[in-house]
Amino acid sequence: MVNSTLVDVAIFPLNSLTNLAQALGGLIAVSIIFGIINVLMNRRRGRELKRIREDISLIKKIISEKKKRK
């Protein structure tokens, strides 16, 4: 049988809550960091897609001009 004092019984839940709060804080920090990275990567992809669309429209324009010359 375990001899538990009143202090042990009162402090154990507080330690558990502290550990839980620290774990949640760590998860929140990691999720914020990954969120920021995701936003930055999406911006980069957006710029690349914009350039690709511009290149495609330029190619279409060149092709249509060549067809007109024939």
N, C-alpha and C. Protein backbone atom coordinates (compact mmCIF):
# COMPACT_ATOMS: atom_id res chain seq x y z
N MET A 1 0.84 -1.17 0.00
CA MET A 1 0.00 0.00 0.00
C MET A 1 0.89 1.24 0.00
N VAL A 2 0.53 2.22 -0.79
CA VAL A 2 1.33 3.43 -0.93
C VAL A 2 0.89 4.44 0.12
N ASN A 3 1.86 5.01 0.80
CA ASN A 3 1.55 6.05 1.77
C ASN A 3 1.61 7.39 1.07
N SER A 4 0.46 8.02 0.87
CA SER A 4 0.39 9.31 0.21
C SER A 4 0.02 10.37 1.23
N THR A 5 0.76 11.44 1.19
CA THR A 5 0.42 12.55 2.07
C THR A 5 -0.54 13.47 1.34
N LEU A 6 -1.14 14.37 2.07
CA LEU A 6 -2.08 15.32 1.47
C LEU A 6 -1.36 16.19 0.45
N VAL A 7 -0.11 16.53 0.71
CA VAL A 7 0.66 17.36 -0.22
C VAL A 7 0.90 16.60 -1.52
N ASP A 8 1.24 15.32 -1.43
CA ASP A 8 1.44 14.51 -2.64
C ASP A 8 0.16 14.44 -3.46
N VAL A 9 -0.94 14.25 -2.79
CA VAL A 9 -2.23 14.14 -3.48
C VAL A 9 -2.59 15.46 -4.13
N ALA A 10 -2.24 16.58 -3.51
CA ALA A 10 -2.58 17.90 -4.06
C ALA A 10 -1.62 18.31 -5.17
N ILE A 11 -0.35 17.94 -5.07
CA ILE A 11 0.65 18.41 -6.03
C ILE A 11 0.66 17.56 -7.30
N PHE A 12 0.38 16.27 -7.21
CA PHE A 12 0.43 15.42 -8.40
C PHE A 12 -0.46 15.93 -9.54
N PRO A 13 -1.72 16.30 -9.27
CA PRO A 13 -2.53 16.84 -10.38
C PRO A 13 -1.96 18.14 -10.94
N LEU A 14 -1.36 18.96 -10.08
CA LEU A 14 -0.77 20.21 -10.56
C LEU A 14 0.42 19.92 -11.47
N ASN A 15 1.23 18.94 -11.11
CA ASN A 15 2.36 18.56 -11.97
C ASN A 15 1.85 18.02 -13.30
N SER A 16 0.80 17.23 -13.25
CA SER A 16 0.23 16.69 -14.48
C SER A 16 -0.31 17.81 -15.35
N LEU A 17 -0.99 18.76 -14.74
CA LEU A 17 -1.53 19.90 -15.51
C LEU A 17 -0.41 20.75 -16.08
N THR A 18 0.66 20.91 -15.31
CA THR A 18 1.81 21.68 -15.81
C THR A 18 2.44 20.98 -17.00
N ASN A 19 2.61 19.67 -16.90
CA ASN A 19 3.17 18.91 -18.02
C ASN A 19 2.27 18.99 -19.24
N LEU A 20 0.97 18.89 -19.01
CA LEU A 20 0.01 18.98 -20.11
C LEU A 20 0.06 20.36 -20.76
N ALA A 21 0.14 21.40 -19.94
CA ALA A 21 0.21 22.76 -20.47
C ALA A 21 1.50 22.96 -21.28
N GLN A 22 2.60 22.42 -20.79
CA GLN A 22 3.86 22.54 -21.53
C GLN A 22 3.79 21.80 -22.86
N ALA A 23 3.19 20.63 -22.85
CA ALA A 23 3.06 19.86 -24.09
C ALA A 23 2.17 20.60 -25.08
N LEU A 24 1.06 21.15 -24.60
CA LEU A 24 0.17 21.90 -25.49
C LEU A 24 0.86 23.15 -26.02
N GLY A 25 1.62 23.81 -25.17
CA GLY A 25 2.37 24.99 -25.61
C GLY A 25 3.37 24.63 -26.70
N GLY A 26 4.04 23.51 -26.53
CA GLY A 26 4.99 23.06 -27.55
C GLY A 26 4.29 22.74 -28.85
N LEU A 27 3.14 22.08 -28.78
CA LEU A 27 2.39 21.77 -30.00
C LEU A 27 1.90 23.03 -30.69
N ILE A 28 1.45 23.99 -29.91
CA ILE A 28 0.99 25.26 -30.49
C ILE A 28 2.15 25.97 -31.18
N ALA A 29 3.31 25.99 -30.54
CA ALA A 29 4.48 26.65 -31.14
C ALA A 29 4.87 25.98 -32.45
N VAL A 30 4.88 24.65 -32.46
CA VAL A 30 5.23 23.92 -33.68
C VAL A 30 4.21 24.18 -34.78
N SER A 31 2.93 24.20 -34.42
CA SER A 31 1.90 24.43 -35.44
C SER A 31 1.99 25.85 -36.00
N ILE A 32 2.34 26.82 -35.18
CA ILE A 32 2.51 28.20 -35.66
C ILE A 32 3.70 28.26 -36.62
N ILE A 33 4.79 27.62 -36.26
CA ILE A 33 5.98 27.62 -37.13
C ILE A 33 5.66 26.99 -38.48
N PHE A 34 4.99 25.82 -38.45
CA PHE A 34 4.64 25.17 -39.71
C PHE A 34 3.63 25.99 -40.50
N GLY A 35 2.74 26.69 -39.81
CA GLY A 35 1.79 27.57 -40.50
C GLY A 35 2.50 28.69 -41.24
N ILE A 36 3.48 29.29 -40.60
CA ILE A 36 4.25 30.37 -41.24
C ILE A 36 5.02 29.83 -42.44
N ILE A 37 5.64 28.66 -42.28
CA ILE A 37 6.37 28.06 -43.40
C ILE A 37 5.42 27.77 -44.56
N ASN A 38 4.22 27.27 -44.25
CA ASN A 38 3.24 26.96 -45.28
C ASN A 38 2.83 28.22 -46.04
N VAL A 39 2.60 29.32 -45.32
CA VAL A 39 2.23 30.58 -45.98
C VAL A 39 3.34 31.05 -46.91
N LEU A 40 4.58 30.99 -46.43
CA LEU A 40 5.70 31.42 -47.26
C LEU A 40 5.85 30.55 -48.50
N MET A 41 5.68 29.25 -48.35
CA MET A 41 5.79 28.35 -49.50
C MET A 41 4.65 28.59 -50.49
N ASN A 42 3.45 28.86 -49.98
CA ASN A 42 2.32 29.14 -50.87
C ASN A 42 2.54 30.42 -51.66
N ARG A 43 3.13 31.42 -51.02
CA ARG A 43 3.43 32.67 -51.74
C ARG A 43 4.42 32.40 -52.86
N ARG A 44 5.43 31.60 -52.55
CA ARG A 44 6.45 31.28 -53.55
C ARG A 44 5.82 30.52 -54.72
N ARG A 45 4.98 29.53 -54.39
CA ARG A 45 4.31 28.77 -55.45
C ARG A 45 3.41 29.67 -56.27
N GLY A 46 2.75 30.61 -55.60
CA GLY A 46 1.87 31.54 -56.31
C GLY A 46 2.64 32.38 -57.31
N ARG A 47 3.81 32.87 -56.89
CA ARG A 47 4.64 33.66 -57.82
C ARG A 47 5.11 32.81 -58.99
N GLU A 48 5.49 31.57 -58.71
CA GLU A 48 5.94 30.69 -59.79
C GLU A 48 4.80 30.39 -60.76
N LEU A 49 3.60 30.15 -60.23
CA LEU A 49 2.45 29.89 -61.10
C LEU A 49 2.12 31.12 -61.95
N LYS A 50 2.26 32.30 -61.36
CA LYS A 50 2.00 33.53 -62.11
C LYS A 50 2.98 33.65 -63.28
N ARG A 51 4.25 33.37 -63.02
CA ARG A 51 5.26 33.42 -64.09
C ARG A 51 4.96 32.39 -65.18
N ILE A 52 4.55 31.20 -64.77
CA ILE A 52 4.23 30.15 -65.75
C ILE A 52 3.05 30.59 -66.61
N ARG A 53 2.02 31.16 -65.98
CA ARG A 53 0.86 31.64 -66.75
C ARG A 53 1.27 32.73 -67.73
N GLU A 54 2.13 33.64 -67.28
CA GLU A 54 2.61 34.70 -68.17
C GLU A 54 3.39 34.11 -69.34
N ASP A 55 4.23 33.13 -69.06
CA ASP A 55 5.00 32.47 -70.13
C ASP A 55 4.08 31.77 -71.12
N ILE A 56 3.06 31.10 -70.62
CA ILE A 56 2.11 30.41 -71.50
C ILE A 56 1.37 31.40 -72.37
N SER A 57 0.94 32.51 -71.77
CA SER A 57 0.22 33.51 -72.58
C SER A 57 1.15 34.13 -73.63
N LEU A 58 2.42 34.31 -73.30
CA LEU A 58 3.38 34.83 -74.27
C LEU A 58 3.59 33.83 -75.41
N ILE A 59 3.70 32.55 -75.07
CA ILE A 59 3.85 31.51 -76.10
C ILE A 59 2.62 31.49 -77.01
N LYS A 60 1.43 31.58 -76.42
CA LYS A 60 0.20 31.60 -77.23
C LYS A 60 0.19 32.80 -78.17
N LYS A 61 0.64 33.94 -77.65
CA LYS A 61 0.68 35.16 -78.47
C LYS A 61 1.65 34.98 -79.64
N ILE A 62 2.81 34.42 -79.37
CA ILE A 62 3.81 34.20 -80.43
C ILE A 62 3.26 33.22 -81.47
N ILE A 63 2.61 32.16 -81.03
CA ILE A 63 2.04 31.18 -81.97
C ILE A 63 0.96 31.81 -82.83
N SER A 64 0.11 32.62 -82.21
CA SER A 64 -0.96 33.25 -82.99
C SER A 64 -0.39 34.25 -84.00
N GLU A 65 0.68 34.95 -83.65
CA GLU A 65 1.32 35.88 -84.59
C GLU A 65 1.96 35.13 -85.75
N LYS A 66 2.56 33.97 -85.48
CA LYS A 66 3.17 33.17 -86.54
C LYS A 66 2.10 32.64 -87.49
N LYS A 67 0.94 32.27 -86.94
CA LYS A 67 -0.15 31.78 -87.79
C LYS A 67 -0.66 32.90 -88.70
N LYS A 68 -0.70 34.12 -88.17
CA LYS A 68 -1.18 35.26 -88.96
C LYS A 68 -0.22 35.57 -90.11
N ARG A 69 1.07 35.38 -89.91
CA ARG A 69 2.07 35.68 -90.93
C ARG A 69 2.01 34.69 -92.09
N LYS A 70 1.56 33.48 -91.83
CA LYS A 70 1.52 32.46 -92.89
C LYS A 70 0.45 32.75 -93.84
